[in-house]
Amino acid sequence: MGRNLYILAGSLILFALISCGIAYTNIAQQPGSPGDASLWRTMGLSFFVVGLFVALAGILSSLFEQAERRDEESRRARRRH
């Protein structure tokens, strides 16, 4: 599960970088372009923040999975002895 969350976080952060890149180029200032520069910056910031939270969830998920795995291994070791 942690790996999937890392992939999702990476994708969201990539979209954030693309959105901020569009905001600072002339694409967002052209007439007829979708939205204005502040909208692209806001979308980029929100993608970045959500990506960071998803990355944190992936880290915590990996840590809890590792703790459960080690706890199970220690239980098996105690049963053998």
PDB file of N, CA and C in Angstrom:
ATOM      1  N   MET A   1       0.821  -1.194   0.000  1.00  0.00           N
ATOM      2  CA  MET A   1       0.000   0.000   0.000  1.00  0.00           C
ATOM      3  C   MET A   1       0.867   1.260   0.000  1.00  0.00           C
ATOM      4  N   GLY A   2       1.978   1.229   0.726  1.00  0.00           N
ATOM      5  CA  GLY A   2       2.843   2.393   0.796  1.00  0.00           C
ATOM      6  C   GLY A   2       3.397   2.782  -0.561  1.00  0.00           C
ATOM      7  N   ARG A   3       3.734   1.771  -1.367  1.00  0.00           N
ATOM      8  CA  ARG A   3       4.281   2.058  -2.695  1.00  0.00           C
ATOM      9  C   ARG A   3       3.257   2.779  -3.566  1.00  0.00           C
ATOM     10  N   ASN A   4       2.002   2.375  -3.486  1.00  0.00           N
ATOM     11  CA  ASN A   4       0.953   3.050  -4.259  1.00  0.00           C
ATOM     12  C   ASN A   4       0.788   4.499  -3.821  1.00  0.00           C
ATOM     13  N   LEU A   5       0.903   4.740  -2.527  1.00  0.00           N
ATOM     14  CA  LEU A   5       0.778   6.110  -2.032  1.00  0.00           C
ATOM     15  C   LEU A   5       1.961   6.955  -2.480  1.00  0.00           C
ATOM     16  N   TYR A   6       3.158   6.346  -2.545  1.00  0.00           N
ATOM     17  CA  TYR A   6       4.323   7.084  -3.042  1.00  0.00           C
ATOM     18  C   TYR A   6       4.142   7.462  -4.504  1.00  0.00           C
ATOM     19  N   ILE A   7       3.606   6.562  -5.296  1.00  0.00           N
ATOM     20  CA  ILE A   7       3.364   6.842  -6.713  1.00  0.00           C
ATOM     21  C   ILE A   7       2.332   7.959  -6.860  1.00  0.00           C
ATOM     22  N   LEU A   8       1.258   7.895  -6.065  1.00  0.00           N
ATOM     23  CA  LEU A   8       0.245   8.947  -6.104  1.00  0.00           C
ATOM     24  C   LEU A   8       0.828  10.294  -5.683  1.00  0.00           C
ATOM     25  N   ALA A   9       1.635  10.298  -4.631  1.00  0.00           N
ATOM     26  CA  ALA A   9       2.253  11.539  -4.168  1.00  0.00           C
ATOM     27  C   ALA A   9       3.186  12.109  -5.232  1.00  0.00           C
ATOM     28  N   GLY A  10       3.962  11.253  -5.865  1.00  0.00           N
ATOM     29  CA  GLY A  10       4.850  11.716  -6.924  1.00  0.00           C
ATOM     30  C   GLY A  10       4.085  12.311  -8.093  1.00  0.00           C
ATOM     31  N   SER A  11       2.973  11.687  -8.455  1.00  0.00           N
ATOM     32  CA  SER A  11       2.149  12.209  -9.546  1.00  0.00           C
ATOM     33  C   SER A  11       1.546  13.566  -9.194  1.00  0.00           C
ATOM     34  N   LEU A  12       1.066  13.702  -7.971  1.00  0.00           N
ATOM     35  CA  LEU A  12       0.486  14.979  -7.548  1.00  0.00           C
ATOM     36  C   LEU A  12       1.532  16.084  -7.511  1.00  0.00           C
ATOM     37  N   ILE A  13       2.719  15.764  -7.042  1.00  0.00           N
ATOM     38  CA  ILE A  13       3.776  16.778  -6.998  1.00  0.00           C
ATOM     39  C   ILE A  13       4.232  17.137  -8.409  1.00  0.00           C
ATOM     40  N   LEU A  14       4.240  16.167  -9.316  1.00  0.00           N
ATOM     41  CA  LEU A  14       4.559  16.466 -10.713  1.00  0.00           C
ATOM     42  C   LEU A  14       3.516  17.410 -11.316  1.00  0.00           C
ATOM     43  N   PHE A  15       2.239  17.153 -11.056  1.00  0.00           N
ATOM     44  CA  PHE A  15       1.186  18.047 -11.531  1.00  0.00           C
ATOM     45  C   PHE A  15       1.323  19.437 -10.909  1.00  0.00           C
ATOM     46  N   ALA A  16       1.764  19.495  -9.646  1.00  0.00           N
ATOM     47  CA  ALA A  16       1.980  20.785  -8.999  1.00  0.00           C
ATOM     48  C   ALA A  16       3.087  21.557  -9.703  1.00  0.00           C
ATOM     49  N   LEU A  17       4.155  20.875 -10.043  1.00  0.00           N
ATOM     50  CA  LEU A  17       5.253  21.544 -10.747  1.00  0.00           C
ATOM     51  C   LEU A  17       4.823  22.025 -12.133  1.00  0.00           C
ATOM     52  N   ILE A  18       4.038  21.214 -12.814  1.00  0.00           N
ATOM     53  CA  ILE A  18       3.538  21.611 -14.138  1.00  0.00           C
ATOM     54  C   ILE A  18       2.622  22.827 -14.016  1.00  0.00           C
ATOM     55  N   SER A  19       1.737  22.821 -13.020  1.00  0.00           N
ATOM     56  CA  SER A  19       0.816  23.948 -12.827  1.00  0.00           C
ATOM     57  C   SER A  19       1.572  25.234 -12.508  1.00  0.00           C
ATOM     58  N   CYS A  20       2.570  25.140 -11.643  1.00  0.00           N
ATOM     59  CA  CYS A  20       3.358  26.337 -11.325  1.00  0.00           C
ATOM     60  C   CYS A  20       4.184  26.781 -12.525  1.00  0.00           C
ATOM     61  N   GLY A  21       4.659  25.836 -13.315  1.00  0.00           N
ATOM     62  CA  GLY A  21       5.394  26.191 -14.531  1.00  0.00           C
ATOM     63  C   GLY A  21       4.515  26.919 -15.521  1.00  0.00           C
ATOM     64  N   ILE A  22       3.285  26.484 -15.654  1.00  0.00           N
ATOM     65  CA  ILE A  22       2.340  27.163 -16.554  1.00  0.00           C
ATOM     66  C   ILE A  22       2.028  28.561 -16.038  1.00  0.00           C
ATOM     67  N   ALA A  23       1.935  28.717 -14.726  1.00  0.00           N
ATOM     68  CA  ALA A  23       1.615  30.028 -14.152  1.00  0.00           C
ATOM     69  C   ALA A  23       2.712  31.047 -14.426  1.00  0.00           C
ATOM     70  N   TYR A  24       3.949  30.602 -14.498  1.00  0.00           N
ATOM     71  CA  TYR A  24       5.052  31.540 -14.665  1.00  0.00           C
ATOM     72  C   TYR A  24       5.533  31.663 -16.109  1.00  0.00           C
ATOM     73  N   THR A  25       4.884  30.993 -17.037  1.00  0.00           N
ATOM     74  CA  THR A  25       5.205  31.176 -18.451  1.00  0.00           C
ATOM     75  C   THR A  25       4.151  32.079 -19.081  1.00  0.00           C
ATOM     76  N   ASN A  26       4.309  32.352 -20.346  1.00  0.00           N
ATOM     77  CA  ASN A  26       3.356  33.218 -21.032  1.00  0.00           C
ATOM     78  C   ASN A  26       2.084  32.492 -21.449  1.00  0.00           C
ATOM     79  N   ILE A  27       2.021  31.194 -21.218  1.00  0.00           N
ATOM     80  CA  ILE A  27       0.835  30.435 -21.616  1.00  0.00           C
ATOM     81  C   ILE A  27      -0.393  30.911 -20.841  1.00  0.00           C
ATOM     82  N   ALA A  28      -0.231  31.146 -19.534  1.00  0.00           N
ATOM     83  CA  ALA A  28      -1.376  31.548 -18.710  1.00  0.00           C
ATOM     84  C   ALA A  28      -1.816  32.981 -18.988  1.00  0.00           C
ATOM     85  N   GLN A  29      -0.963  33.814 -19.559  1.00  0.00           N
ATOM     86  CA  GLN A  29      -1.332  35.197 -19.818  1.00  0.00           C
ATOM     87  C   GLN A  29      -1.936  35.402 -21.204  1.00  0.00           C
ATOM     88  N   GLN A  30      -1.952  34.390 -22.036  1.00  0.00           N
ATOM     89  CA  GLN A  30      -2.491  34.527 -23.391  1.00  0.00           C
ATOM     90  C   GLN A  30      -4.013  34.603 -23.347  1.00  0.00           C
ATOM     91  N   PRO A  31      -4.618  35.405 -24.224  1.00  0.00           N
ATOM     92  CA  PRO A  31      -6.087  35.440 -24.257  1.00  0.00           C
ATOM     93  C   PRO A  31      -6.650  34.099 -24.734  1.00  0.00           C
ATOM     94  N   GLY A  32      -7.669  33.671 -24.072  1.00  0.00           N
ATOM     95  CA  GLY A  32      -8.298  32.397 -24.413  1.00  0.00           C
ATOM     96  C   GLY A  32      -7.690  31.205 -23.705  1.00  0.00           C
ATOM     97  N   SER A  33      -6.675  31.428 -22.868  1.00  0.00           N
ATOM     98  CA  SER A  33      -6.073  30.307 -22.138  1.00  0.00           C
ATOM     99  C   SER A  33      -6.952  29.951 -20.944  1.00  0.00           C
ATOM    100  N   PRO A  34      -6.886  28.713 -20.504  1.00  0.00           N
ATOM    101  CA  PRO A  34      -7.740  28.303 -19.378  1.00  0.00           C
ATOM    102  C   PRO A  34      -7.272  28.926 -18.072  1.00  0.00           C
ATOM    103  N   GLY A  35      -8.052  29.822 -17.548  1.00  0.00           N
ATOM    104  CA  GLY A  35      -7.763  30.433 -16.252  1.00  0.00           C
ATOM    105  C   GLY A  35      -6.660  31.470 -16.327  1.00  0.00           C
ATOM    106  N   ASP A  36      -6.435  32.119 -15.213  1.00  0.00           N
ATOM    107  CA  ASP A  36      -5.362  33.103 -15.151  1.00  0.00           C
ATOM    108  C   ASP A  36      -4.208  32.545 -14.322  1.00  0.00           C
ATOM    109  N   ALA A  37      -3.153  33.317 -14.183  1.00  0.00           N
ATOM    110  CA  ALA A  37      -1.941  32.836 -13.517  1.00  0.00           C
ATOM    111  C   ALA A  37      -2.187  32.517 -12.046  1.00  0.00           C
ATOM    112  N   SER A  38      -3.007  33.311 -11.370  1.00  0.00           N
ATOM    113  CA  SER A  38      -3.251  33.039  -9.947  1.00  0.00           C
ATOM    114  C   SER A  38      -3.994  31.720  -9.756  1.00  0.00           C
ATOM    115  N   LEU A  39      -4.879  31.375 -10.693  1.00  0.00           N
ATOM    116  CA  LEU A  39      -5.566  30.086 -10.609  1.00  0.00           C
ATOM    117  C   LEU A  39      -4.572  28.937 -10.761  1.00  0.00           C
ATOM    118  N   TRP A  40      -3.629  29.052 -11.698  1.00  0.00           N
ATOM    119  CA  TRP A  40      -2.623  28.005 -11.891  1.00  0.00           C
ATOM    120  C   TRP A  40      -1.728  27.883 -10.666  1.00  0.00           C
ATOM    121  N   ARG A  41      -1.354  29.027 -10.060  1.00  0.00           N
ATOM    122  CA  ARG A  41      -0.528  28.977  -8.847  1.00  0.00           C
ATOM    123  C   ARG A  41      -1.292  28.323  -7.697  1.00  0.00           C
ATOM    124  N   THR A  42      -2.575  28.644  -7.562  1.00  0.00           N
ATOM    125  CA  THR A  42      -3.389  28.053  -6.503  1.00  0.00           C
ATOM    126  C   THR A  42      -3.536  26.552  -6.704  1.00  0.00           C
ATOM    127  N   MET A  43      -3.763  26.130  -7.939  1.00  0.00           N
ATOM    128  CA  MET A  43      -3.857  24.696  -8.217  1.00  0.00           C
ATOM    129  C   MET A  43      -2.533  24.005  -7.921  1.00  0.00           C
ATOM    130  N   GLY A  44      -1.426  24.638  -8.315  1.00  0.00           N
ATOM    131  CA  GLY A  44      -0.115  24.059  -8.047  1.00  0.00           C
ATOM    132  C   GLY A  44       0.148  23.916  -6.563  1.00  0.00           C
ATOM    133  N   LEU A  45      -0.199  24.939  -5.794  1.00  0.00           N
ATOM    134  CA  LEU A  45      -0.002  24.881  -4.353  1.00  0.00           C
ATOM    135  C   LEU A  45      -0.876  23.805  -3.719  1.00  0.00           C
ATOM    136  N   SER A  46      -2.119  23.711  -4.152  1.00  0.00           N
ATOM    137  CA  SER A  46      -3.006  22.699  -3.574  1.00  0.00           C
ATOM    138  C   SER A  46      -2.555  21.286  -3.955  1.00  0.00           C
ATOM    139  N   PHE A  47      -2.125  21.075  -5.202  1.00  0.00           N
ATOM    140  CA  PHE A  47      -1.584  19.763  -5.581  1.00  0.00           C
ATOM    141  C   PHE A  47      -0.356  19.419  -4.735  1.00  0.00           C
ATOM    142  N   PHE A  48       0.500  20.412  -4.490  1.00  0.00           N
ATOM    143  CA  PHE A  48       1.709  20.177  -3.719  1.00  0.00           C
ATOM    144  C   PHE A  48       1.384  19.794  -2.280  1.00  0.00           C
ATOM    145  N   VAL A  49       0.448  20.516  -1.664  1.00  0.00           N
ATOM    146  CA  VAL A  49       0.084  20.226  -0.273  1.00  0.00           C
ATOM    147  C   VAL A  49      -0.568  18.847  -0.163  1.00  0.00           C
ATOM    148  N   VAL A  50      -1.466  18.532  -1.077  1.00  0.00           N
ATOM    149  CA  VAL A  50      -2.104  17.210  -1.054  1.00  0.00           C
ATOM    150  C   VAL A  50      -1.064  16.117  -1.302  1.00  0.00           C
ATOM    151  N   GLY A  51      -0.129  16.375  -2.208  1.00  0.00           N
ATOM    152  CA  GLY A  51       0.943  15.416  -2.466  1.00  0.00           C
ATOM    153  C   GLY A  51       1.804  15.168  -1.239  1.00  0.00           C
ATOM    154  N   LEU A  52       2.082  16.225  -0.481  1.00  0.00           N
ATOM    155  CA  LEU A  52       2.854  16.053   0.750  1.00  0.00           C
ATOM    156  C   LEU A  52       2.089  15.228   1.782  1.00  0.00           C
ATOM    157  N   PHE A  53       0.784  15.474   1.913  1.00  0.00           N
ATOM    158  CA  PHE A  53      -0.010  14.679   2.859  1.00  0.00           C
ATOM    159  C   PHE A  53      -0.082  13.211   2.438  1.00  0.00           C
ATOM    160  N   VAL A  54      -0.201  12.956   1.144  1.00  0.00           N
ATOM    161  CA  VAL A  54      -0.232  11.571   0.659  1.00  0.00           C
ATOM    162  C   VAL A  54       1.118  10.906   0.893  1.00  0.00           C
ATOM    163  N   ALA A  55       2.211  11.643   0.695  1.00  0.00           N
ATOM    164  CA  ALA A  55       3.536  11.092   0.970  1.00  0.00           C
ATOM    165  C   ALA A  55       3.693  10.764   2.457  1.00  0.00           C
ATOM    166  N   LEU A  56       3.179  11.642   3.318  1.00  0.00           N
ATOM    167  CA  LEU A  56       3.212  11.364   4.754  1.00  0.00           C
ATOM    168  C   LEU A  56       2.410  10.120   5.086  1.00  0.00           C
ATOM    169  N   ALA A  57       1.253   9.964   4.459  1.00  0.00           N
ATOM    170  CA  ALA A  57       0.444   8.756   4.682  1.00  0.00           C
ATOM    171  C   ALA A  57       1.195   7.512   4.203  1.00  0.00           C
ATOM    172  N   GLY A  58       1.913   7.617   3.095  1.00  0.00           N
ATOM    173  CA  GLY A  58       2.711   6.485   2.609  1.00  0.00           C
ATOM    174  C   GLY A  58       3.825   6.127   3.568  1.00  0.00           C
ATOM    175  N   ILE A  59       4.481   7.137   4.127  1.00  0.00           N
ATOM    176  CA  ILE A  59       5.553   6.883   5.093  1.00  0.00           C
ATOM    177  C   ILE A  59       4.995   6.209   6.339  1.00  0.00           C
ATOM    178  N   LEU A  60       3.898   6.739   6.864  1.00  0.00           N
ATOM    179  CA  LEU A  60       3.301   6.144   8.066  1.00  0.00           C
ATOM    180  C   LEU A  60       2.803   4.728   7.801  1.00  0.00           C
ATOM    181  N   SER A  61       2.234   4.500   6.620  1.00  0.00           N
ATOM    182  CA  SER A  61       1.768   3.168   6.265  1.00  0.00           C
ATOM    183  C   SER A  61       2.930   2.180   6.219  1.00  0.00           C
ATOM    184  N   SER A  62       4.032   2.586   5.636  1.00  0.00           N
ATOM    185  CA  SER A  62       5.208   1.715   5.574  1.00  0.00           C
ATOM    186  C   SER A  62       5.770   1.430   6.960  1.00  0.00           C
ATOM    187  N   LEU A  63       5.790   2.458   7.806  1.00  0.00           N
ATOM    188  CA  LEU A  63       6.298   2.253   9.161  1.00  0.00           C
ATOM    189  C   LEU A  63       5.424   1.288   9.957  1.00  0.00           C
ATOM    190  N   PHE A  64       4.095   1.438   9.843  1.00  0.00           N
ATOM    191  CA  PHE A  64       3.209   0.538  10.572  1.00  0.00           C
ATOM    192  C   PHE A  64       3.277  -0.885  10.038  1.00  0.00           C
ATOM    193  N   GLU A  65       3.420  -1.034   8.715  1.00  0.00           N
ATOM    194  CA  GLU A  65       3.569  -2.380   8.151  1.00  0.00           C
ATOM    195  C   GLU A  65       4.846  -3.036   8.649  1.00  0.00           C
ATOM    196  N   GLN A  66       5.930  -2.268   8.732  1.00  0.00           N
ATOM    197  CA  GLN A  66       7.197  -2.808   9.219  1.00  0.00           C
ATOM    198  C   GLN A  66       7.082  -3.186  10.696  1.00  0.00           C
ATOM    199  N   ALA A  67       6.403  -2.360  11.484  1.00  0.00           N
ATOM    200  CA  ALA A  67       6.236  -2.668  12.904  1.00  0.00           C
ATOM    201  C   ALA A  67       5.395  -3.928  13.093  1.00  0.00           C
ATOM    202  N   GLU A  68       4.338  -4.090  12.308  1.00  0.00           N
ATOM    203  CA  GLU A  68       3.520  -5.298  12.396  1.00  0.00           C
ATOM    204  C   GLU A  68       4.309  -6.538  11.997  1.00  0.00           C
ATOM    205  N   ARG A  69       5.124  -6.399  10.949  1.00  0.00           N
ATOM    206  CA  ARG A  69       5.920  -7.538  10.487  1.00  0.00           C
ATOM    207  C   ARG A  69       6.943  -7.948  11.544  1.00  0.00           C
ATOM    208  N   ARG A  70       7.596  -6.986  12.160  1.00  0.00           N
ATOM    209  CA  ARG A  70       8.580  -7.319  13.204  1.00  0.00           C
ATOM    210  C   ARG A  70       7.913  -7.898  14.439  1.00  0.00           C
ATOM    211  N   ASP A  71       6.725  -7.404  14.775  1.00  0.00           N
ATOM    212  CA  ASP A  71       6.000  -7.948  15.919  1.00  0.00           C
ATOM    213  C   ASP A  71       5.612  -9.402  15.663  1.00  0.00           C
ATOM    214  N   GLU A  72       5.165  -9.682  14.452  1.00  0.00           N
ATOM    215  CA  GLU A  72       4.808 -11.068  14.102  1.00  0.00           C
ATOM    216  C   GLU A  72       6.034 -11.979  14.146  1.00  0.00           C
ATOM    217  N   GLU A  73       7.167 -11.490  13.660  1.00  0.00           N
ATOM    218  CA  GLU A  73       8.393 -12.289  13.698  1.00  0.00           C
ATOM    219  C   GLU A  73       8.833 -12.562  15.126  1.00  0.00           C
ATOM    220  N   SER A  74       8.699 -11.588  16.010  1.00  0.00           N
ATOM    221  CA  SER A  74       9.092 -11.800  17.406  1.00  0.00           C
ATOM    222  C   SER A  74       8.135 -12.767  18.099  1.00  0.00           C
ATOM    223  N   ARG A  75       6.855 -12.742  17.743  1.00  0.00           N
ATOM    224  CA  ARG A  75       5.913 -13.725  18.307  1.00  0.00           C
ATOM    225  C   ARG A  75       6.273 -15.139  17.880  1.00  0.00           C
ATOM    226  N   ARG A  76       6.612 -15.294  16.597  1.00  0.00           N
ATOM    227  CA  ARG A  76       7.009 -16.627  16.104  1.00  0.00           C
ATOM    228  C   ARG A  76       8.278 -17.110  16.791  1.00  0.00           C
ATOM    229  N   ALA A  77       9.217 -16.207  17.012  1.00  0.00           N
ATOM    230  CA  ALA A  77      10.468 -16.584  17.677  1.00  0.00           C
ATOM    231  C   ALA A  77      10.203 -16.997  19.122  1.00  0.00           C
ATOM    232  N   ARG A  78       9.289 -16.331  19.812  1.00  0.00           N
ATOM    233  CA  ARG A  78       8.959 -16.697  21.192  1.00  0.00           C
ATOM    234  C   ARG A  78       8.245 -18.026  21.259  1.00  0.00           C
ATOM    235  N   ARG A  79       7.418 -18.339  20.266  1.00  0.00           N
ATOM    236  CA  ARG A  79       6.707 -19.622  20.274  1.00  0.00           C
ATOM    237  C   ARG A  79       7.663 -20.794  20.068  1.00  0.00           C
ATOM    238  N   ARG A  80       8.700 -20.591  19.277  1.00  0.00           N
ATOM    239  CA  ARG A  80       9.661 -21.667  19.026  1.00  0.00           C
ATOM    240  C   ARG A  80      10.454 -22.011  20.266  1.00  0.00           C
ATOM    241  N   HIS A  81      10.741 -21.010  21.085  1.00  0.00           N
ATOM    242  CA  HIS A  81      11.554 -21.251  22.279  1.00  0.00           C
ATOM    243  C   HIS A  81      10.657 -21.455  23.420  1.00  0.00           C
TER     244      HIS A  81
END
